[in-house]
């Protein structure tokens, strides 16, 4: 039975940890443990502009996100294209608002101090990654 993209995204929305696979300059895979949320059909991640995975995606936006649920022997690997948003530079810019939305979607709650959160996002040079999946493979049990 084929795994539909909609079914895979619905399943992934119930999880929040995954492994992001990006491509190094020499073509080898680089993996990074990440937390994510599914927002409006996109897999959304907060990341820093200075990390190797971010540089990899700027150079080659093809990515895979692998999500697993060992308790049910379920997994899905999404192929997609990375869309890197701008780095937040002000507490009221769109990137900051997107980071707030990502935080709330991942944690399911508000941050106890949004002023502190937004300042930290600027200091850490954070931005939002959106992955628009083009396909999914795997198996969903249970």
N, C-alpha and C. Protein backbone atom coordinates (compact mmCIF):
# COMPACT_ATOMS: atom_id res chain seq x y z
N UNK A 1 0.85 -1.18 0.00
CA UNK A 1 0.00 0.00 0.00
C UNK A 1 0.89 1.25 0.00
N UNK A 2 0.63 2.14 -0.89
CA UNK A 2 1.42 3.36 -1.01
C UNK A 2 1.11 4.30 0.15
N UNK A 3 2.10 5.07 0.53
CA UNK A 3 1.95 6.05 1.60
C UNK A 3 1.69 7.41 0.98
N UNK A 4 0.51 7.96 1.25
CA UNK A 4 0.20 9.28 0.68
C UNK A 4 0.92 10.36 1.48
N UNK A 5 1.25 11.43 0.80
CA UNK A 5 1.93 12.56 1.44
C UNK A 5 1.06 13.16 2.54
N UNK A 6 -0.22 13.29 2.30
CA UNK A 6 -1.12 13.85 3.31
C UNK A 6 -1.16 12.98 4.56
N UNK A 7 -1.25 11.67 4.38
CA UNK A 7 -1.26 10.75 5.53
C UNK A 7 0.06 10.83 6.29
N UNK A 8 1.16 10.88 5.55
CA UNK A 8 2.48 10.96 6.18
C UNK A 8 2.62 12.26 6.98
N UNK A 9 2.17 13.38 6.43
CA UNK A 9 2.24 14.66 7.15
C UNK A 9 1.34 14.66 8.38
N UNK A 10 0.16 14.09 8.26
CA UNK A 10 -0.73 13.99 9.42
C UNK A 10 -0.07 13.19 10.54
N UNK A 11 0.57 12.07 10.18
CA UNK A 11 1.26 11.25 11.17
C UNK A 11 2.43 12.03 11.79
N UNK A 12 3.22 12.67 10.95
CA UNK A 12 4.40 13.42 11.43
C UNK A 12 3.99 14.57 12.34
N UNK A 13 2.80 15.13 12.12
CA UNK A 13 2.34 16.24 12.95
C UNK A 13 2.17 15.81 14.41
N UNK A 14 2.02 14.51 14.64
CA UNK A 14 1.90 13.99 16.00
C UNK A 14 3.23 13.73 16.66
N UNK A 15 4.30 14.04 16.01
CA UNK A 15 5.65 13.86 16.54
C UNK A 15 6.37 15.20 16.49
N UNK A 16 7.57 15.27 17.04
CA UNK A 16 8.30 16.53 16.96
C UNK A 16 9.80 16.36 16.83
N UNK A 17 10.30 15.14 16.89
CA UNK A 17 11.74 14.91 16.75
C UNK A 17 12.01 14.18 15.43
N UNK A 18 13.06 14.60 14.75
CA UNK A 18 13.43 13.95 13.50
C UNK A 18 14.91 14.12 13.23
N UNK A 19 15.33 13.51 12.15
CA UNK A 19 16.71 13.63 11.69
C UNK A 19 16.67 14.31 10.33
N UNK A 20 17.32 15.47 10.25
CA UNK A 20 17.41 16.23 9.01
C UNK A 20 18.68 15.81 8.27
N UNK A 21 18.53 15.44 7.02
CA UNK A 21 19.66 15.05 6.20
C UNK A 21 19.89 16.13 5.14
N UNK A 22 21.09 16.71 5.16
CA UNK A 22 21.49 17.69 4.16
C UNK A 22 22.71 17.15 3.44
N UNK A 23 23.10 17.83 2.37
CA UNK A 23 24.23 17.36 1.57
C UNK A 23 25.44 18.27 1.75
N UNK A 24 26.54 17.65 2.11
CA UNK A 24 27.80 18.39 2.21
C UNK A 24 28.28 18.77 0.82
N UNK A 25 29.26 19.64 0.77
CA UNK A 25 29.82 20.09 -0.51
C UNK A 25 30.30 18.92 -1.37
N UNK A 26 30.86 17.89 -0.72
CA UNK A 26 31.38 16.73 -1.48
C UNK A 26 30.30 15.69 -1.78
N UNK A 27 29.04 15.98 -1.44
CA UNK A 27 27.94 15.08 -1.76
C UNK A 27 27.58 14.09 -0.66
N UNK A 28 28.41 13.98 0.36
CA UNK A 28 28.09 13.07 1.46
C UNK A 28 26.97 13.65 2.32
N UNK A 29 26.20 12.75 2.92
CA UNK A 29 25.10 13.17 3.78
C UNK A 29 25.60 13.69 5.11
N UNK A 30 24.94 14.71 5.62
CA UNK A 30 25.16 15.18 6.98
C UNK A 30 23.83 15.08 7.70
N UNK A 31 23.82 14.51 8.90
CA UNK A 31 22.59 14.37 9.66
C UNK A 31 22.60 15.26 10.88
N UNK A 32 21.42 15.77 11.23
CA UNK A 32 21.25 16.62 12.40
C UNK A 32 19.94 16.26 13.09
N UNK A 33 20.00 16.01 14.39
CA UNK A 33 18.78 15.82 15.16
C UNK A 33 18.11 17.18 15.30
N UNK A 34 16.82 17.22 15.06
CA UNK A 34 16.08 18.49 15.12
C UNK A 34 14.72 18.27 15.78
N UNK A 35 14.11 19.36 16.20
CA UNK A 35 12.70 19.36 16.57
C UNK A 35 11.97 20.17 15.51
N UNK A 36 10.74 19.81 15.24
CA UNK A 36 9.99 20.44 14.16
C UNK A 36 8.52 20.48 14.52
N UNK A 37 7.78 21.22 13.72
CA UNK A 37 6.32 21.23 13.77
C UNK A 37 5.83 21.25 12.33
N UNK A 38 4.66 20.70 12.11
CA UNK A 38 4.01 20.79 10.80
C UNK A 38 3.05 21.97 10.88
N UNK A 39 3.33 22.99 10.08
CA UNK A 39 2.51 24.21 10.06
C UNK A 39 2.09 24.47 8.62
N UNK A 40 0.79 24.48 8.37
CA UNK A 40 0.25 24.76 7.04
C UNK A 40 0.89 23.89 5.96
N UNK A 41 1.04 22.61 6.26
CA UNK A 41 1.55 21.65 5.27
C UNK A 41 3.05 21.68 5.08
N UNK A 42 3.76 22.49 5.85
CA UNK A 42 5.22 22.55 5.76
C UNK A 42 5.82 22.06 7.07
N UNK A 43 6.93 21.37 6.97
CA UNK A 43 7.69 20.97 8.14
C UNK A 43 8.55 22.17 8.50
N UNK A 44 8.40 22.67 9.72
CA UNK A 44 8.98 23.94 10.12
C UNK A 44 9.97 23.73 11.26
N UNK A 45 11.15 24.33 11.11
CA UNK A 45 12.25 24.14 12.05
C UNK A 45 12.89 25.49 12.35
N UNK A 46 13.27 25.71 13.60
CA UNK A 46 14.08 26.86 13.98
C UNK A 46 15.54 26.43 13.91
N UNK A 47 16.36 27.20 13.19
CA UNK A 47 17.78 26.86 13.13
C UNK A 47 18.63 28.10 13.10
N UNK A 48 19.93 27.92 13.26
CA UNK A 48 20.83 29.06 13.27
C UNK A 48 21.52 29.20 11.92
N UNK A 49 21.77 30.44 11.56
CA UNK A 49 22.35 30.74 10.25
C UNK A 49 23.80 30.26 10.13
N UNK A 50 24.47 30.03 11.25
CA UNK A 50 25.90 29.73 11.22
C UNK A 50 26.24 28.24 11.23
N UNK A 51 25.25 27.38 11.26
CA UNK A 51 25.52 25.94 11.34
C UNK A 51 25.81 25.35 9.96
N UNK A 52 26.52 24.24 9.97
CA UNK A 52 26.87 23.56 8.72
C UNK A 52 25.63 23.15 7.95
N UNK A 53 24.60 22.66 8.65
CA UNK A 53 23.39 22.22 7.94
C UNK A 53 22.75 23.37 7.17
N UNK A 54 22.82 24.58 7.76
CA UNK A 54 22.25 25.75 7.10
C UNK A 54 23.06 26.10 5.86
N UNK A 55 24.37 26.07 5.98
CA UNK A 55 25.23 26.33 4.81
C UNK A 55 24.99 25.29 3.73
N UNK A 56 24.81 24.04 4.14
CA UNK A 56 24.52 22.98 3.17
C UNK A 56 23.24 23.28 2.39
N UNK A 57 22.20 23.72 3.09
CA UNK A 57 20.92 23.99 2.44
C UNK A 57 20.96 25.24 1.57
N UNK A 58 21.78 26.22 1.95
CA UNK A 58 21.93 27.39 1.08
C UNK A 58 22.56 26.98 -0.25
N UNK A 59 23.49 26.04 -0.18
CA UNK A 59 24.19 25.59 -1.39
C UNK A 59 23.33 24.60 -2.20
N UNK A 60 22.66 23.69 -1.51
CA UNK A 60 21.84 22.66 -2.16
C UNK A 60 20.60 22.44 -1.31
N UNK A 61 19.44 22.93 -1.74
CA UNK A 61 18.25 22.89 -0.89
C UNK A 61 17.56 21.52 -0.79
N UNK A 62 18.08 20.51 -1.44
CA UNK A 62 17.45 19.19 -1.33
C UNK A 62 17.73 18.60 0.05
N UNK A 63 16.66 18.14 0.71
CA UNK A 63 16.78 17.59 2.06
C UNK A 63 15.90 16.36 2.21
N UNK A 64 16.19 15.61 3.26
CA UNK A 64 15.34 14.51 3.71
C UNK A 64 15.11 14.73 5.20
N UNK A 65 13.88 14.55 5.64
CA UNK A 65 13.59 14.53 7.07
C UNK A 65 13.08 13.14 7.40
N UNK A 66 13.74 12.49 8.33
CA UNK A 66 13.37 11.13 8.76
C UNK A 66 12.76 11.22 10.15
N UNK A 67 11.54 10.72 10.29
CA UNK A 67 10.82 10.72 11.56
C UNK A 67 10.50 9.27 11.89
N UNK A 68 10.77 8.90 13.14
CA UNK A 68 10.54 7.51 13.53
C UNK A 68 9.77 7.43 14.84
N UNK A 69 9.05 6.34 15.00
CA UNK A 69 8.32 6.05 16.24
C UNK A 69 8.64 4.60 16.61
N UNK A 70 9.72 4.39 17.36
CA UNK A 70 10.17 3.03 17.66
C UNK A 70 9.13 2.17 18.36
N UNK A 71 8.23 2.77 19.13
CA UNK A 71 7.24 1.99 19.87
C UNK A 71 6.24 1.30 18.94
N UNK A 72 6.07 1.80 17.73
CA UNK A 72 5.15 1.16 16.78
C UNK A 72 5.86 0.67 15.52
N UNK A 73 7.19 0.75 15.50
CA UNK A 73 7.97 0.39 14.30
C UNK A 73 7.49 1.16 13.08
N UNK A 74 7.15 2.41 13.31
CA UNK A 74 6.70 3.27 12.23
C UNK A 74 7.79 4.28 11.90
N UNK A 75 7.84 4.69 10.63
CA UNK A 75 8.77 5.73 10.21
C UNK A 75 8.29 6.34 8.91
N UNK A 76 8.72 7.57 8.68
CA UNK A 76 8.48 8.23 7.41
C UNK A 76 9.73 9.04 7.08
N UNK A 77 10.15 8.97 5.83
CA UNK A 77 11.21 9.83 5.31
C UNK A 77 10.60 10.73 4.24
N UNK A 78 10.71 12.02 4.48
CA UNK A 78 10.18 13.02 3.55
C UNK A 78 11.31 13.54 2.68
N UNK A 79 11.12 13.55 1.38
CA UNK A 79 12.00 14.28 0.47
C UNK A 79 11.39 15.67 0.31
N UNK A 80 12.24 16.67 0.25
CA UNK A 80 11.71 18.01 0.09
C UNK A 80 12.77 19.00 -0.29
N UNK A 81 12.32 20.23 -0.38
CA UNK A 81 13.18 21.35 -0.73
C UNK A 81 13.17 22.33 0.44
N UNK A 82 14.36 22.73 0.87
CA UNK A 82 14.50 23.67 1.98
C UNK A 82 14.18 25.08 1.52
N UNK A 83 13.34 25.76 2.28
CA UNK A 83 13.08 27.18 2.09
C UNK A 83 13.57 27.88 3.35
N UNK A 84 14.70 28.55 3.25
CA UNK A 84 15.27 29.25 4.40
C UNK A 84 14.73 30.67 4.48
N UNK A 85 14.09 30.96 5.59
CA UNK A 85 13.61 32.32 5.81
C UNK A 85 14.75 33.23 6.20
N UNK A 86 14.49 34.52 6.28
CA UNK A 86 15.54 35.46 6.67
C UNK A 86 15.93 35.27 8.13
N UNK A 87 17.13 35.67 8.45
CA UNK A 87 17.61 35.67 9.83
C UNK A 87 16.92 36.82 10.56
N UNK A 88 16.45 36.56 11.76
CA UNK A 88 15.80 37.63 12.52
C UNK A 88 16.83 38.66 12.99
N UNK A 89 16.51 39.92 12.82
CA UNK A 89 17.41 41.01 13.22
C UNK A 89 16.71 42.04 14.11
N UNK A 90 15.40 41.89 14.30
CA UNK A 90 14.64 42.82 15.14
C UNK A 90 13.52 42.05 15.84
N UNK A 91 13.16 42.48 17.02
CA UNK A 91 12.15 41.76 17.80
C UNK A 91 10.78 41.77 17.15
N UNK A 92 10.56 42.66 16.19
CA UNK A 92 9.24 42.74 15.57
C UNK A 92 9.27 42.44 14.07
N UNK A 93 10.36 41.84 13.56
CA UNK A 93 10.37 41.50 12.13
C UNK A 93 9.61 40.20 11.89
N UNK A 94 9.33 39.91 10.64
CA UNK A 94 8.55 38.71 10.31
C UNK A 94 9.27 37.44 10.73
N UNK A 95 10.59 37.42 10.62
CA UNK A 95 11.34 36.23 11.04
C UNK A 95 11.12 35.96 12.53
N UNK A 96 11.11 37.01 13.34
CA UNK A 96 10.86 36.85 14.78
C UNK A 96 9.47 36.29 15.02
N UNK A 97 8.47 36.80 14.32
CA UNK A 97 7.10 36.29 14.45
C UNK A 97 7.02 34.82 14.04
N UNK A 98 7.75 34.45 12.97
CA UNK A 98 7.76 33.06 12.51
C UNK A 98 8.43 32.15 13.53
N UNK A 99 9.47 32.63 14.19
CA UNK A 99 10.14 31.84 15.23
C UNK A 99 9.23 31.64 16.44
N UNK A 100 8.45 32.66 16.78
CA UNK A 100 7.47 32.53 17.86
C UNK A 100 6.44 31.45 17.50
N UNK A 101 5.91 31.52 16.29
CA UNK A 101 4.91 30.53 15.86
C UNK A 101 5.50 29.11 15.86
N UNK A 102 6.75 28.99 15.46
CA UNK A 102 7.40 27.67 15.45
C UNK A 102 7.57 27.17 16.87
N UNK A 103 8.01 28.03 17.77
CA UNK A 103 8.18 27.65 19.18
C UNK A 103 6.85 27.14 19.75
N UNK A 104 5.79 27.91 19.54
CA UNK A 104 4.49 27.53 20.09
C UNK A 104 3.98 26.22 19.49
N UNK A 105 4.22 26.02 18.20
CA UNK A 105 3.77 24.79 17.55
C UNK A 105 4.56 23.58 18.06
N UNK A 106 5.84 23.74 18.30
CA UNK A 106 6.67 22.63 18.79
C UNK A 106 6.34 22.31 20.24
N UNK A 107 6.25 23.34 21.09
CA UNK A 107 6.07 23.11 22.52
C UNK A 107 4.61 22.98 22.95
N UNK A 108 3.72 23.54 22.15
CA UNK A 108 2.31 23.52 22.52
C UNK A 108 1.96 24.55 23.58
N UNK A 109 2.87 25.50 23.82
CA UNK A 109 2.60 26.52 24.83
C UNK A 109 3.37 27.79 24.51
N UNK A 110 3.04 28.83 25.24
CA UNK A 110 3.74 30.11 25.08
C UNK A 110 5.04 30.08 25.87
N UNK A 111 6.00 30.85 25.42
CA UNK A 111 7.25 31.01 26.15
C UNK A 111 6.98 31.87 27.39
N UNK A 112 7.65 31.62 28.51
CA UNK A 112 7.38 32.42 29.71
C UNK A 112 7.84 33.87 29.61
N UNK A 113 8.74 34.18 28.65
CA UNK A 113 9.21 35.56 28.52
C UNK A 113 9.52 35.82 27.04
N UNK A 114 8.54 36.37 26.33
CA UNK A 114 8.72 36.57 24.89
C UNK A 114 9.80 37.60 24.57
N UNK A 115 9.98 38.60 25.42
CA UNK A 115 11.04 39.59 25.18
C UNK A 115 12.40 38.90 25.21
N UNK A 116 12.60 38.08 26.21
CA UNK A 116 13.86 37.32 26.32
C UNK A 116 14.02 36.36 25.14
N UNK A 117 12.96 35.67 24.78
CA UNK A 117 13.00 34.73 23.66
C UNK A 117 13.41 35.44 22.37
N UNK A 118 12.73 36.54 22.06
CA UNK A 118 13.02 37.25 20.81
C UNK A 118 14.46 37.80 20.79
N UNK A 119 14.94 38.28 21.92
CA UNK A 119 16.33 38.76 21.99
C UNK A 119 17.30 37.61 21.76
N UNK A 120 17.01 36.45 22.33
CA UNK A 120 17.88 35.28 22.15
C UNK A 120 17.89 34.83 20.68
N UNK A 121 16.75 34.93 20.01
CA UNK A 121 16.69 34.53 18.61
C UNK A 121 17.58 35.43 17.75
N UNK A 122 17.63 36.72 18.08
CA UNK A 122 18.52 37.65 17.37
C UNK A 122 19.98 37.31 17.67
N UNK A 123 20.29 37.13 18.95
CA UNK A 123 21.67 36.82 19.36
C UNK A 123 22.17 35.53 18.71
N UNK A 124 21.29 34.54 18.58
CA UNK A 124 21.67 33.24 18.02
C UNK A 124 21.61 33.20 16.49
N UNK A 125 21.21 34.31 15.87
CA UNK A 125 21.07 34.40 14.41
C UNK A 125 20.13 33.30 13.89
N UNK A 126 18.96 33.24 14.48
CA UNK A 126 18.00 32.20 14.12
C UNK A 126 17.14 32.59 12.93
N UNK A 127 16.68 31.55 12.25
CA UNK A 127 15.78 31.71 11.12
C UNK A 127 14.90 30.47 11.06
N UNK A 128 13.85 30.55 10.28
CA UNK A 128 12.93 29.43 10.13
C UNK A 128 13.22 28.72 8.82
N UNK A 129 13.29 27.41 8.92
CA UNK A 129 13.38 26.53 7.76
C UNK A 129 12.00 25.94 7.53
N UNK A 130 11.54 26.01 6.30
CA UNK A 130 10.31 25.32 5.91
C UNK A 130 10.66 24.29 4.85
N UNK A 131 10.23 23.08 5.08
CA UNK A 131 10.42 22.02 4.10
C UNK A 131 9.06 21.71 3.53
N UNK A 132 8.95 21.87 2.23
CA UNK A 132 7.72 21.50 1.52
C UNK A 132 7.96 20.11 0.94
N UNK A 133 7.43 19.09 1.60
CA UNK A 133 7.71 17.73 1.13
C UNK A 133 7.18 17.50 -0.29
N UNK A 134 7.98 16.79 -1.08
CA UNK A 134 7.58 16.42 -2.43
C UNK A 134 7.17 14.96 -2.50
N UNK A 135 7.64 14.16 -1.54
CA UNK A 135 7.25 12.75 -1.47
C UNK A 135 7.56 12.22 -0.08
N UNK A 136 6.99 11.06 0.22
CA UNK A 136 7.24 10.41 1.51
C UNK A 136 7.27 8.90 1.30
N UNK A 137 8.18 8.25 1.98
CA UNK A 137 8.23 6.79 2.00
C UNK A 137 8.30 6.34 3.44
N UNK A 138 7.84 5.13 3.69
CA UNK A 138 7.91 4.57 5.03
C UNK A 138 6.73 3.69 5.30
N UNK A 139 6.52 3.44 6.60
CA UNK A 139 5.37 2.66 7.00
C UNK A 139 4.84 3.21 8.31
N UNK A 140 3.54 3.28 8.40
CA UNK A 140 2.89 3.78 9.59
C UNK A 140 2.04 2.64 10.14
N UNK A 141 2.36 2.20 11.33
CA UNK A 141 1.64 1.11 11.99
C UNK A 141 0.89 1.66 13.19
N UNK A 142 -0.16 0.97 13.53
CA UNK A 142 -0.89 1.31 14.76
C UNK A 142 -1.80 2.44 14.67
